């Protein structure tokens, strides 16, 4: 319990010192079970399937589906609450959110969307090849000229690209490069740089920040603890301890299989081995494909997530 309380304290302290404006609660991210007095702020690529299955289970709905898409569509239809009055209602209920290490989440997005060749998603990156023969420093100067690397920022009115602590030790490791053979899809390096540039282009523009695709956009731009004071801040890395505690907090201890059908853990495991996700390598493997300046760029893009949710860059 002390660890979970400290997470809320860390978020509160960051909210008191942050420079960017907070992001208002958007009803499209809020799922409410009025019967149980709980509100969940949904973030993609953070174990949301388990959270949605939990909502279905405690409301007596079926929890086993042919695909993750079917699960999400069903939960959205049953629990998504639209309108400003629903946002106000969510503030009064027991509220929770589950977050994830920003780098691991980015890798999960790459594996689940790009390696699986989700066409609509990959098409968003159809211009990725323009990055192949260009230095990252040149990309920054062209795409986000308001940013400067820290070594170049002295005396210049600009945003500074930040170097993540522990980078030097991390980069002493070695990995083999893992590039698409036919060049038809972005490599992880191309994907990560494109994502970082898209996020940093927004600056302090809230509309732009929330329009970034939910699978890789910053978590604080969708479920902002500075705007929504959550009662429980969960992490996917500690779901083994956090999830049973959530059940106790909302008064729904784990049911027997005979009462509720497949358990959440079993349902989640069935969905986890999904298509080409099984081919995904470790977070470390993918990050080691980035150069020093690229690590700086991606870390800067997700800097608020790291600070708000208390993650160390290279502790996965």
C-alpha atoms as a PDB file:
ATOM      1  CA  UNK A   1       0.000   0.000   0.000  1.00  0.00           C
ATOM      2  CA  UNK A   2       2.867   2.400   0.776  1.00  0.00           C
ATOM      3  CA  UNK A   3       4.297   1.951  -2.727  1.00  0.00           C
ATOM      4  CA  UNK A   4       0.929   2.711  -4.283  1.00  0.00           C
ATOM      5  CA  UNK A   5       0.460   5.775  -2.063  1.00  0.00           C
ATOM      6  CA  UNK A   6       3.905   7.015  -3.079  1.00  0.00           C
ATOM      7  CA  UNK A   7       2.881   6.851  -6.739  1.00  0.00           C
ATOM      8  CA  UNK A   8       0.090   9.345  -6.071  1.00  0.00           C
ATOM      9  CA  UNK A   9       2.491  11.574  -4.124  1.00  0.00           C
ATOM     10  CA  UNK A  10       4.985  11.495  -7.028  1.00  0.00           C
ATOM     11  CA  UNK A  11       2.236  12.511  -9.446  1.00  0.00           C
ATOM     12  CA  UNK A  12       1.041  15.318  -7.155  1.00  0.00           C
ATOM     13  CA  UNK A  13       4.573  16.684  -6.786  1.00  0.00           C
ATOM     14  CA  UNK A  14       5.101  16.674 -10.533  1.00  0.00           C
ATOM     15  CA  UNK A  15       1.752  18.391 -11.100  1.00  0.00           C
ATOM     16  CA  UNK A  16       2.822  21.180  -8.744  1.00  0.00           C
ATOM     17  CA  UNK A  17       5.988  21.863 -10.744  1.00  0.00           C
ATOM     18  CA  UNK A  18       5.153  21.004 -14.357  1.00  0.00           C
ATOM     19  CA  UNK A  19       5.448  23.619 -17.088  1.00  0.00           C
ATOM     20  CA  UNK A  20       2.921  22.219 -19.565  1.00  0.00           C
ATOM     21  CA  UNK A  21      -0.807  22.821 -19.049  1.00  0.00           C
ATOM     22  CA  UNK A  22      -2.792  19.814 -17.849  1.00  0.00           C
ATOM     23  CA  UNK A  23      -5.102  17.968 -20.235  1.00  0.00           C
ATOM     24  CA  UNK A  24      -8.828  18.085 -19.379  1.00  0.00           C
ATOM     25  CA  UNK A  25     -10.626  14.768 -18.957  1.00  0.00           C
ATOM     26  CA  UNK A  26     -12.105  13.645 -22.269  1.00  0.00           C
ATOM     27  CA  UNK A  27     -15.225  11.509 -22.136  1.00  0.00           C
ATOM     28  CA  UNK A  28     -13.892   9.264 -24.907  1.00  0.00           C
ATOM     29  CA  UNK A  29     -11.297   7.822 -22.502  1.00  0.00           C
ATOM     30  CA  UNK A  30     -13.647   7.260 -19.559  1.00  0.00           C
ATOM     31  CA  UNK A  31     -15.379   3.958 -18.881  1.00  0.00           C
ATOM     32  CA  UNK A  32     -17.874   3.901 -16.042  1.00  0.00           C
ATOM     33  CA  UNK A  33     -19.608   1.134 -14.138  1.00  0.00           C
ATOM     34  CA  UNK A  34     -22.274   3.156 -12.346  1.00  0.00           C
ATOM     35  CA  UNK A  35     -23.592   0.050 -10.621  1.00  0.00           C
ATOM     36  CA  UNK A  36     -20.264  -0.379  -8.835  1.00  0.00           C
ATOM     37  CA  UNK A  37     -19.329   3.292  -8.494  1.00  0.00           C
ATOM     38  CA  UNK A  38     -16.050   3.025 -10.418  1.00  0.00           C
ATOM     39  CA  UNK A  39     -14.495   4.949 -13.306  1.00  0.00           C
ATOM     40  CA  UNK A  40     -11.561   3.697 -15.384  1.00  0.00           C
ATOM     41  CA  UNK A  41      -9.414   5.938 -17.576  1.00  0.00           C
ATOM     42  CA  UNK A  42      -8.420   3.712 -20.480  1.00  0.00           C
ATOM     43  CA  UNK A  43      -4.935   3.862 -21.971  1.00  0.00           C
ATOM     44  CA  UNK A  44      -3.934   1.726 -24.936  1.00  0.00           C
ATOM     45  CA  UNK A  45      -0.953  -0.610 -24.655  1.00  0.00           C
ATOM     46  CA  UNK A  46      -1.086  -0.669 -20.857  1.00  0.00           C
ATOM     47  CA  UNK A  47      -2.941  -3.923 -20.244  1.00  0.00           C
ATOM     48  CA  UNK A  48      -6.335  -2.391 -20.947  1.00  0.00           C
ATOM     49  CA  UNK A  49      -7.707  -5.771 -22.070  1.00  0.00           C
ATOM     50  CA  UNK A  50      -7.396  -7.056 -18.510  1.00  0.00           C
ATOM     51  CA  UNK A  51      -9.086  -3.940 -17.135  1.00  0.00           C
ATOM     52  CA  UNK A  52     -11.957  -4.215 -19.619  1.00  0.00           C
ATOM     53  CA  UNK A  53     -12.384  -7.907 -18.871  1.00  0.00           C
ATOM     54  CA  UNK A  54     -12.630  -7.002 -15.192  1.00  0.00           C
ATOM     55  CA  UNK A  55     -15.439  -4.520 -15.899  1.00  0.00           C
ATOM     56  CA  UNK A  56     -17.284  -7.134 -17.944  1.00  0.00           C
ATOM     57  CA  UNK A  57     -16.838  -9.794 -15.270  1.00  0.00           C
ATOM     58  CA  UNK A  58     -18.162  -7.761 -12.336  1.00  0.00           C
ATOM     59  CA  UNK A  59     -21.161  -6.730 -14.420  1.00  0.00           C
ATOM     60  CA  UNK A  60     -22.057 -10.316 -15.265  1.00  0.00           C
ATOM     61  CA  UNK A  61     -21.084 -10.073 -18.935  1.00  0.00           C
ATOM     62  CA  UNK A  62     -19.190 -12.672 -20.939  1.00  0.00           C
ATOM     63  CA  UNK A  63     -15.425 -12.285 -20.809  1.00  0.00           C
ATOM     64  CA  UNK A  64     -14.184 -14.526 -23.626  1.00  0.00           C
ATOM     65  CA  UNK A  65     -13.974 -13.141 -27.166  1.00  0.00           C
ATOM     66  CA  UNK A  66     -12.548 -14.210 -30.500  1.00  0.00           C
ATOM     67  CA  UNK A  67     -10.255 -11.189 -30.630  1.00  0.00           C
ATOM     68  CA  UNK A  68      -9.076  -8.193 -28.661  1.00  0.00           C
ATOM     69  CA  UNK A  69     -11.013  -5.953 -31.027  1.00  0.00           C
ATOM     70  CA  UNK A  70     -14.267  -7.714 -30.108  1.00  0.00           C
ATOM     71  CA  UNK A  71     -13.477  -7.306 -26.418  1.00  0.00           C
ATOM     72  CA  UNK A  72     -12.763  -3.588 -26.760  1.00  0.00           C
ATOM     73  CA  UNK A  73     -15.826  -2.898 -28.898  1.00  0.00           C
ATOM     74  CA  UNK A  74     -18.095  -4.699 -26.437  1.00  0.00           C
ATOM     75  CA  UNK A  75     -16.668  -2.926 -23.395  1.00  0.00           C
ATOM     76  CA  UNK A  76     -16.846   0.420 -25.158  1.00  0.00           C
ATOM     77  CA  UNK A  77     -20.489  -0.128 -26.026  1.00  0.00           C
ATOM     78  CA  UNK A  78     -21.391  -1.086 -22.463  1.00  0.00           C
ATOM     79  CA  UNK A  79     -19.267   1.279 -20.377  1.00  0.00           C
ATOM     80  CA  UNK A  80     -18.235   4.286 -22.436  1.00  0.00           C
ATOM     81  CA  UNK A  81     -19.985   7.313 -21.037  1.00  0.00           C
ATOM     82  CA  UNK A  82     -20.307  10.373 -23.255  1.00  0.00           C
ATOM     83  CA  UNK A  83     -20.926  13.978 -22.333  1.00  0.00           C
ATOM     84  CA  UNK A  84     -19.608  16.508 -19.848  1.00  0.00           C
ATOM     85  CA  UNK A  85     -22.022  15.329 -17.171  1.00  0.00           C
ATOM     86  CA  UNK A  86     -20.443  11.873 -17.361  1.00  0.00           C
ATOM     87  CA  UNK A  87     -16.993  13.380 -16.904  1.00  0.00           C
ATOM     88  CA  UNK A  88     -18.236  15.124 -13.777  1.00  0.00           C
ATOM     89  CA  UNK A  89     -19.727  11.826 -12.618  1.00  0.00           C
ATOM     90  CA  UNK A  90     -16.396  10.077 -13.164  1.00  0.00           C
ATOM     91  CA  UNK A  91     -14.690  12.591 -10.877  1.00  0.00           C
ATOM     92  CA  UNK A  92     -17.041  11.595  -8.057  1.00  0.00           C
ATOM     93  CA  UNK A  93     -16.545   7.846  -8.420  1.00  0.00           C
ATOM     94  CA  UNK A  94     -13.674   5.612  -7.327  1.00  0.00           C
ATOM     95  CA  UNK A  95     -11.271   6.208 -10.216  1.00  0.00           C
ATOM     96  CA  UNK A  96      -8.234   4.313 -11.407  1.00  0.00           C
ATOM     97  CA  UNK A  97      -5.798   4.120 -14.296  1.00  0.00           C
ATOM     98  CA  UNK A  98      -3.083   1.664 -15.296  1.00  0.00           C
ATOM     99  CA  UNK A  99       0.164   2.947 -16.840  1.00  0.00           C
ATOM    100  CA  UNK A 100       3.269   1.396 -18.361  1.00  0.00           C
ATOM    101  CA  UNK A 101       6.970   2.138 -18.797  1.00  0.00           C
ATOM    102  CA  UNK A 102       7.041   4.549 -21.784  1.00  0.00           C
ATOM    103  CA  UNK A 103       9.799   2.723 -23.669  1.00  0.00           C
ATOM    104  CA  UNK A 104       8.224  -0.701 -23.170  1.00  0.00           C
ATOM    105  CA  UNK A 105       4.868   0.687 -24.275  1.00  0.00           C
ATOM    106  CA  UNK A 106       6.434   2.109 -27.437  1.00  0.00           C
ATOM    107  CA  UNK A 107       8.003  -1.257 -28.256  1.00  0.00           C
ATOM    108  CA  UNK A 108       4.667  -2.984 -27.613  1.00  0.00           C
ATOM    109  CA  UNK A 109       3.015  -0.600 -30.052  1.00  0.00           C
ATOM    110  CA  UNK A 110       5.650  -1.316 -32.686  1.00  0.00           C
ATOM    111  CA  UNK A 111       5.261  -5.065 -32.278  1.00  0.00           C
ATOM    112  CA  UNK A 112       1.470  -5.052 -32.118  1.00  0.00           C
ATOM    113  CA  UNK A 113       0.776  -2.545 -34.876  1.00  0.00           C
ATOM    114  CA  UNK A 114       3.748  -2.466 -37.248  1.00  0.00           C
ATOM    115  CA  UNK A 115       5.031  -6.053 -37.091  1.00  0.00           C
ATOM    116  CA  UNK A 116       1.451  -7.290 -37.292  1.00  0.00           C
ATOM    117  CA  UNK A 117       1.086  -5.127 -40.412  1.00  0.00           C
ATOM    118  CA  UNK A 118      -2.077  -3.388 -39.291  1.00  0.00           C
ATOM    119  CA  UNK A 119      -2.650  -1.604 -42.587  1.00  0.00           C
ATOM    120  CA  UNK A 120      -4.454   1.494 -41.322  1.00  0.00           C
ATOM    121  CA  UNK A 121      -1.731   2.023 -38.744  1.00  0.00           C
ATOM    122  CA  UNK A 122       1.222   1.407 -41.049  1.00  0.00           C
ATOM    123  CA  UNK A 123      -0.248   3.820 -43.609  1.00  0.00           C
ATOM    124  CA  UNK A 124       0.167   6.607 -41.065  1.00  0.00           C
ATOM    125  CA  UNK A 125       3.907   6.008 -41.389  1.00  0.00           C
ATOM    126  CA  UNK A 126       4.006   5.772 -45.183  1.00  0.00           C
ATOM    127  CA  UNK A 127       6.532   8.605 -45.319  1.00  0.00           C
ATOM    128  CA  UNK A 128       8.930   6.891 -42.931  1.00  0.00           C
ATOM    129  CA  UNK A 129      11.458   6.176 -45.679  1.00  0.00           C
ATOM    130  CA  UNK A 130      12.309   9.881 -45.831  1.00  0.00           C
ATOM    131  CA  UNK A 131      14.200   9.354 -42.559  1.00  0.00           C
ATOM    132  CA  UNK A 132      16.444   6.563 -43.806  1.00  0.00           C
ATOM    133  CA  UNK A 133      19.248   8.587 -45.306  1.00  0.00           C
ATOM    134  CA  UNK A 134      19.124  11.551 -42.951  1.00  0.00           C
ATOM    135  CA  UNK A 135      20.854  12.230 -39.682  1.00  0.00           C
ATOM    136  CA  UNK A 136      18.578  12.636 -36.681  1.00  0.00           C
ATOM    137  CA  UNK A 137      20.118  16.040 -35.958  1.00  0.00           C
ATOM    138  CA  UNK A 138      19.053  17.187 -39.430  1.00  0.00           C
ATOM    139  CA  UNK A 139      15.552  15.778 -38.938  1.00  0.00           C
ATOM    140  CA  UNK A 140      15.231  17.759 -35.719  1.00  0.00           C
ATOM    141  CA  UNK A 141      16.388  20.982 -37.378  1.00  0.00           C
ATOM    142  CA  UNK A 142      13.889  20.555 -40.201  1.00  0.00           C
ATOM    143  CA  UNK A 143      10.861  19.080 -38.415  1.00  0.00           C
ATOM    144  CA  UNK A 144      11.066  20.642 -34.942  1.00  0.00           C
ATOM    145  CA  UNK A 145      13.435  23.614 -35.222  1.00  0.00           C
ATOM    146  CA  UNK A 146      12.229  24.979 -31.870  1.00  0.00           C
ATOM    147  CA  UNK A 147      14.130  22.134 -30.176  1.00  0.00           C
ATOM    148  CA  UNK A 148      17.867  22.062 -29.540  1.00  0.00           C
ATOM    149  CA  UNK A 149      20.094  19.333 -28.197  1.00  0.00           C
ATOM    150  CA  UNK A 150      21.408  20.363 -24.785  1.00  0.00           C
ATOM    151  CA  UNK A 151      24.942  20.883 -26.073  1.00  0.00           C
ATOM    152  CA  UNK A 152      23.589  23.441 -28.602  1.00  0.00           C
ATOM    153  CA  UNK A 153      21.001  25.166 -26.432  1.00  0.00           C
ATOM    154  CA  UNK A 154      23.140  27.652 -24.499  1.00  0.00           C
ATOM    155  CA  UNK A 155      21.917  31.187 -25.006  1.00  0.00           C
ATOM    156  CA  UNK A 156      19.165  30.109 -27.412  1.00  0.00           C
ATOM    157  CA  UNK A 157      15.468  30.568 -26.694  1.00  0.00           C
ATOM    158  CA  UNK A 158      14.256  27.047 -27.373  1.00  0.00           C
ATOM    159  CA  UNK A 159      13.115  23.763 -25.923  1.00  0.00           C
ATOM    160  CA  UNK A 160      15.950  21.471 -24.901  1.00  0.00           C
ATOM    161  CA  UNK A 161      16.230  17.826 -25.878  1.00  0.00           C
ATOM    162  CA  UNK A 162      17.114  15.965 -22.688  1.00  0.00           C
ATOM    163  CA  UNK A 163      19.551  13.111 -22.264  1.00  0.00           C
ATOM    164  CA  UNK A 164      18.119  10.241 -20.173  1.00  0.00           C
ATOM    165  CA  UNK A 165      20.027   9.339 -16.999  1.00  0.00           C
ATOM    166  CA  UNK A 166      21.874   6.042 -17.294  1.00  0.00           C
ATOM    167  CA  UNK A 167      22.218   6.266 -21.086  1.00  0.00           C
ATOM    168  CA  UNK A 168      25.999   5.845 -21.173  1.00  0.00           C
ATOM    169  CA  UNK A 169      25.906   2.586 -19.223  1.00  0.00           C
ATOM    170  CA  UNK A 170      22.967   1.304 -21.255  1.00  0.00           C
ATOM    171  CA  UNK A 171      24.710   1.942 -24.560  1.00  0.00           C
ATOM    172  CA  UNK A 172      27.705  -0.197 -23.594  1.00  0.00           C
ATOM    173  CA  UNK A 173      25.485  -3.207 -24.291  1.00  0.00           C
ATOM    174  CA  UNK A 174      25.300  -4.740 -27.746  1.00  0.00           C
ATOM    175  CA  UNK A 175      22.481  -6.052 -29.897  1.00  0.00           C
ATOM    176  CA  UNK A 176      22.142  -7.161 -33.496  1.00  0.00           C
ATOM    177  CA  UNK A 177      20.161  -4.819 -35.711  1.00  0.00           C
ATOM    178  CA  UNK A 178      16.680  -5.983 -36.605  1.00  0.00           C
ATOM    179  CA  UNK A 179      15.666  -4.198 -39.811  1.00  0.00           C
ATOM    180  CA  UNK A 180      12.749  -5.143 -42.121  1.00  0.00           C
ATOM    181  CA  UNK A 181      14.217  -7.158 -44.970  1.00  0.00           C
ATOM    182  CA  UNK A 182      12.158  -5.689 -47.809  1.00  0.00           C
ATOM    183  CA  UNK A 183      12.043  -2.113 -46.533  1.00  0.00           C
ATOM    184  CA  UNK A 184       8.261  -2.002 -46.833  1.00  0.00           C
ATOM    185  CA  UNK A 185       7.736  -1.235 -43.152  1.00  0.00           C
ATOM    186  CA  UNK A 186       9.471   1.173 -40.818  1.00  0.00           C
ATOM    187  CA  UNK A 187      12.277  -0.178 -38.703  1.00  0.00           C
ATOM    188  CA  UNK A 188      11.945   0.440 -34.985  1.00  0.00           C
ATOM    189  CA  UNK A 189      14.392   3.324 -35.310  1.00  0.00           C
ATOM    190  CA  UNK A 190      12.298   4.981 -38.020  1.00  0.00           C
ATOM    191  CA  UNK A 191       9.096   4.386 -36.077  1.00  0.00           C
ATOM    192  CA  UNK A 192      10.503   5.752 -32.811  1.00  0.00           C
ATOM    193  CA  UNK A 193      11.938   8.907 -34.399  1.00  0.00           C
ATOM    194  CA  UNK A 194       8.710   9.575 -36.299  1.00  0.00           C
ATOM    195  CA  UNK A 195       6.658   9.177 -33.119  1.00  0.00           C
ATOM    196  CA  UNK A 196       8.957  11.448 -31.124  1.00  0.00           C
ATOM    197  CA  UNK A 197       8.855  14.170 -33.774  1.00  0.00           C
ATOM    198  CA  UNK A 198       5.053  13.991 -33.982  1.00  0.00           C
ATOM    199  CA  UNK A 199       4.720  14.380 -30.206  1.00  0.00           C
ATOM    200  CA  UNK A 200       7.281  17.166 -29.870  1.00  0.00           C
ATOM    201  CA  UNK A 201       5.784  19.142 -32.758  1.00  0.00           C
ATOM    202  CA  UNK A 202       2.725  19.730 -30.579  1.00  0.00           C
ATOM    203  CA  UNK A 203       4.595  21.695 -27.946  1.00  0.00           C
ATOM    204  CA  UNK A 204       2.007  22.973 -25.447  1.00  0.00           C
ATOM    205  CA  UNK A 205      -0.950  22.703 -27.861  1.00  0.00           C
ATOM    206  CA  UNK A 206      -3.494  20.546 -26.011  1.00  0.00           C
ATOM    207  CA  UNK A 207      -5.599  19.803 -29.084  1.00  0.00           C
ATOM    208  CA  UNK A 208      -2.552  18.569 -30.952  1.00  0.00           C
ATOM    209  CA  UNK A 209      -1.297  16.530 -27.999  1.00  0.00           C
ATOM    210  CA  UNK A 210      -4.562  14.666 -27.535  1.00  0.00           C
ATOM    211  CA  UNK A 211      -4.846  14.027 -31.287  1.00  0.00           C
ATOM    212  CA  UNK A 212      -1.661  11.924 -31.318  1.00  0.00           C
ATOM    213  CA  UNK A 213      -2.596   8.268 -31.826  1.00  0.00           C
ATOM    214  CA  UNK A 214      -3.639   6.708 -28.528  1.00  0.00           C
ATOM    215  CA  UNK A 215      -1.423   3.645 -29.032  1.00  0.00           C
ATOM    216  CA  UNK A 216       1.777   5.661 -28.757  1.00  0.00           C
ATOM    217  CA  UNK A 217       0.754   9.131 -27.560  1.00  0.00           C
ATOM    218  CA  UNK A 218       1.888  10.193 -24.115  1.00  0.00           C
ATOM    219  CA  UNK A 219      -0.115   8.697 -21.280  1.00  0.00           C
ATOM    220  CA  UNK A 220      -0.394  12.050 -19.486  1.00  0.00           C
ATOM    221  CA  UNK A 221      -2.127  13.498 -22.541  1.00  0.00           C
ATOM    222  CA  UNK A 222      -4.993  11.041 -22.202  1.00  0.00           C
ATOM    223  CA  UNK A 223      -5.231  10.279 -18.494  1.00  0.00           C
ATOM    224  CA  UNK A 224      -3.686  13.265 -16.727  1.00  0.00           C
ATOM    225  CA  UNK A 225      -3.407  12.936 -12.917  1.00  0.00           C
ATOM    226  CA  UNK A 226      -3.086  16.733 -12.716  1.00  0.00           C
ATOM    227  CA  UNK A 227      -6.615  17.040 -14.084  1.00  0.00           C
ATOM    228  CA  UNK A 228      -8.147  13.846 -12.712  1.00  0.00           C
ATOM    229  CA  UNK A 229      -7.132  12.981  -9.158  1.00  0.00           C
ATOM    230  CA  UNK A 230      -7.095   9.190  -9.375  1.00  0.00           C
ATOM    231  CA  UNK A 231      -7.788   7.086  -6.313  1.00  0.00           C
ATOM    232  CA  UNK A 232      -5.574   4.268  -7.563  1.00  0.00           C
ATOM    233  CA  UNK A 233      -2.630   4.488  -9.968  1.00  0.00           C
ATOM    234  CA  UNK A 234      -1.728   1.015 -11.213  1.00  0.00           C
ATOM    235  CA  UNK A 235       1.298  -0.143 -13.188  1.00  0.00           C
ATOM    236  CA  UNK A 236       1.334  -3.063 -15.585  1.00  0.00           C
ATOM    237  CA  UNK A 237       4.768  -4.013 -14.223  1.00  0.00           C
ATOM    238  CA  UNK A 238       3.207  -4.719 -10.810  1.00  0.00           C
ATOM    239  CA  UNK A 239      -0.159  -6.012 -11.970  1.00  0.00           C
ATOM    240  CA  UNK A 240       0.334  -9.164  -9.896  1.00  0.00           C
ATOM    241  CA  UNK A 241       0.044  -7.061  -6.737  1.00  0.00           C
ATOM    242  CA  UNK A 242      -2.051  -4.162  -8.042  1.00  0.00           C
ATOM    243  CA  UNK A 243      -4.884  -6.146  -9.571  1.00  0.00           C
ATOM    244  CA  UNK A 244      -5.839  -8.152  -6.459  1.00  0.00           C
ATOM    245  CA  UNK A 245      -5.733  -4.879  -4.519  1.00  0.00           C
ATOM    246  CA  UNK A 246      -8.074  -3.267  -7.054  1.00  0.00           C
ATOM    247  CA  UNK A 247     -10.495  -6.143  -6.557  1.00  0.00           C
ATOM    248  CA  UNK A 248     -10.452  -5.617  -2.806  1.00  0.00           C
ATOM    249  CA  UNK A 249     -10.797  -1.846  -3.074  1.00  0.00           C
ATOM    250  CA  UNK A 250     -13.921  -2.092  -5.221  1.00  0.00           C
ATOM    251  CA  UNK A 251     -15.349  -5.001  -3.233  1.00  0.00           C
ATOM    252  CA  UNK A 252     -15.003  -7.728  -5.849  1.00  0.00           C
ATOM    253  CA  UNK A 253     -12.603 -10.455  -4.735  1.00  0.00           C
ATOM    254  CA  UNK A 254     -11.737 -12.993  -7.384  1.00  0.00           C
ATOM    255  CA  UNK A 255     -14.630 -15.277  -8.277  1.00  0.00           C
ATOM    256  CA  UNK A 256     -14.326 -19.004  -8.790  1.00  0.00           C
ATOM    257  CA  UNK A 257     -14.144 -20.233 -12.373  1.00  0.00           C
ATOM    258  CA  UNK A 258     -17.443 -22.053 -11.935  1.00  0.00           C
ATOM    259  CA  UNK A 259     -19.138 -18.765 -11.061  1.00  0.00           C
ATOM    260  CA  UNK A 260     -17.616 -16.420 -13.616  1.00  0.00           C
ATOM    261  CA  UNK A 261     -16.383 -18.532 -16.505  1.00  0.00           C
ATOM    262  CA  UNK A 262     -12.778 -18.045 -17.678  1.00  0.00           C
ATOM    263  CA  UNK A 263     -10.633 -16.085 -15.273  1.00  0.00           C
ATOM    264  CA  UNK A 264      -9.207 -12.737 -16.315  1.00  0.00           C
ATOM    265  CA  UNK A 265      -5.700 -14.143 -16.164  1.00  0.00           C
ATOM    266  CA  UNK A 266      -6.607 -17.014 -18.497  1.00  0.00           C
ATOM    267  CA  UNK A 267      -8.464 -14.731 -20.899  1.00  0.00           C
ATOM    268  CA  UNK A 268      -5.554 -12.298 -20.976  1.00  0.00           C
ATOM    269  CA  UNK A 269      -3.034 -15.050 -21.613  1.00  0.00           C
ATOM    270  CA  UNK A 270      -5.119 -16.346 -24.504  1.00  0.00           C
ATOM    271  CA  UNK A 271      -5.038 -12.913 -26.145  1.00  0.00           C
ATOM    272  CA  UNK A 272      -1.385 -12.237 -25.335  1.00  0.00           C
ATOM    273  CA  UNK A 273      -0.070 -14.791 -27.818  1.00  0.00           C
ATOM    274  CA  UNK A 274      -1.535 -12.974 -30.766  1.00  0.00           C
ATOM    275  CA  UNK A 275      -0.194 -13.109 -34.291  1.00  0.00           C
ATOM    276  CA  UNK A 276       3.271 -11.731 -34.836  1.00  0.00           C
ATOM    277  CA  UNK A 277       3.517 -10.249 -31.344  1.00  0.00           C
ATOM    278  CA  UNK A 278       5.195 -13.545 -30.465  1.00  0.00           C
ATOM    279  CA  UNK A 279       8.097 -12.419 -32.670  1.00  0.00           C
ATOM    280  CA  UNK A 280       8.660  -9.279 -30.614  1.00  0.00           C
ATOM    281  CA  UNK A 281      12.071  -8.955 -29.018  1.00  0.00           C
ATOM    282  CA  UNK A 282      12.869  -7.327 -25.675  1.00  0.00           C
ATOM    283  CA  UNK A 283      12.589  -3.598 -25.027  1.00  0.00           C
ATOM    284  CA  UNK A 284      16.349  -3.507 -24.544  1.00  0.00           C
ATOM    285  CA  UNK A 285      16.917  -5.111 -27.943  1.00  0.00           C
ATOM    286  CA  UNK A 286      14.937  -2.430 -29.754  1.00  0.00           C
ATOM    287  CA  UNK A 287      16.264   0.550 -27.800  1.00  0.00           C
ATOM    288  CA  UNK A 288      19.844  -0.484 -28.502  1.00  0.00           C
ATOM    289  CA  UNK A 289      19.094   0.070 -32.197  1.00  0.00           C
ATOM    290  CA  UNK A 290      18.796   3.807 -31.475  1.00  0.00           C
ATOM    291  CA  UNK A 291      21.763   6.148 -31.527  1.00  0.00           C
ATOM    292  CA  UNK A 292      22.624   8.351 -28.569  1.00  0.00           C
ATOM    293  CA  UNK A 293      20.816  11.377 -30.015  1.00  0.00           C
ATOM    294  CA  UNK A 294      17.796   9.237 -30.923  1.00  0.00           C
ATOM    295  CA  UNK A 295      17.534   7.987 -27.348  1.00  0.00           C
ATOM    296  CA  UNK A 296      17.632  11.624 -26.230  1.00  0.00           C
ATOM    297  CA  UNK A 297      14.877  12.525 -28.679  1.00  0.00           C
ATOM    298  CA  UNK A 298      12.535   9.700 -27.689  1.00  0.00           C
ATOM    299  CA  UNK A 299      13.172  10.247 -23.975  1.00  0.00           C
ATOM    300  CA  UNK A 300      12.322  13.934 -24.358  1.00  0.00           C
ATOM    301  CA  UNK A 301       9.075  13.084 -26.147  1.00  0.00           C
ATOM    302  CA  UNK A 302       7.960  10.936 -23.208  1.00  0.00           C
ATOM    303  CA  UNK A 303       9.679  12.934 -20.468  1.00  0.00           C
ATOM    304  CA  UNK A 304       6.406  13.836 -18.723  1.00  0.00           C
ATOM    305  CA  UNK A 305       5.352  10.188 -18.568  1.00  0.00           C
ATOM    306  CA  UNK A 306       8.656   9.242 -16.962  1.00  0.00           C
ATOM    307  CA  UNK A 307       8.393  12.001 -14.362  1.00  0.00           C
ATOM    308  CA  UNK A 308       4.681  11.755 -13.631  1.00  0.00           C
ATOM    309  CA  UNK A 309       4.623   8.003 -13.142  1.00  0.00           C
ATOM    310  CA  UNK A 310       8.047   7.535 -11.554  1.00  0.00           C
ATOM    311  CA  UNK A 311       9.807   5.405 -14.176  1.00  0.00           C
ATOM    312  CA  UNK A 312      13.568   5.090 -14.645  1.00  0.00           C
ATOM    313  CA  UNK A 313      14.476   5.174 -18.361  1.00  0.00           C
ATOM    314  CA  UNK A 314      16.435   1.914 -18.490  1.00  0.00           C
ATOM    315  CA  UNK A 315      14.767  -0.097 -15.737  1.00  0.00           C
ATOM    316  CA  UNK A 316      12.178  -2.129 -17.632  1.00  0.00           C
END
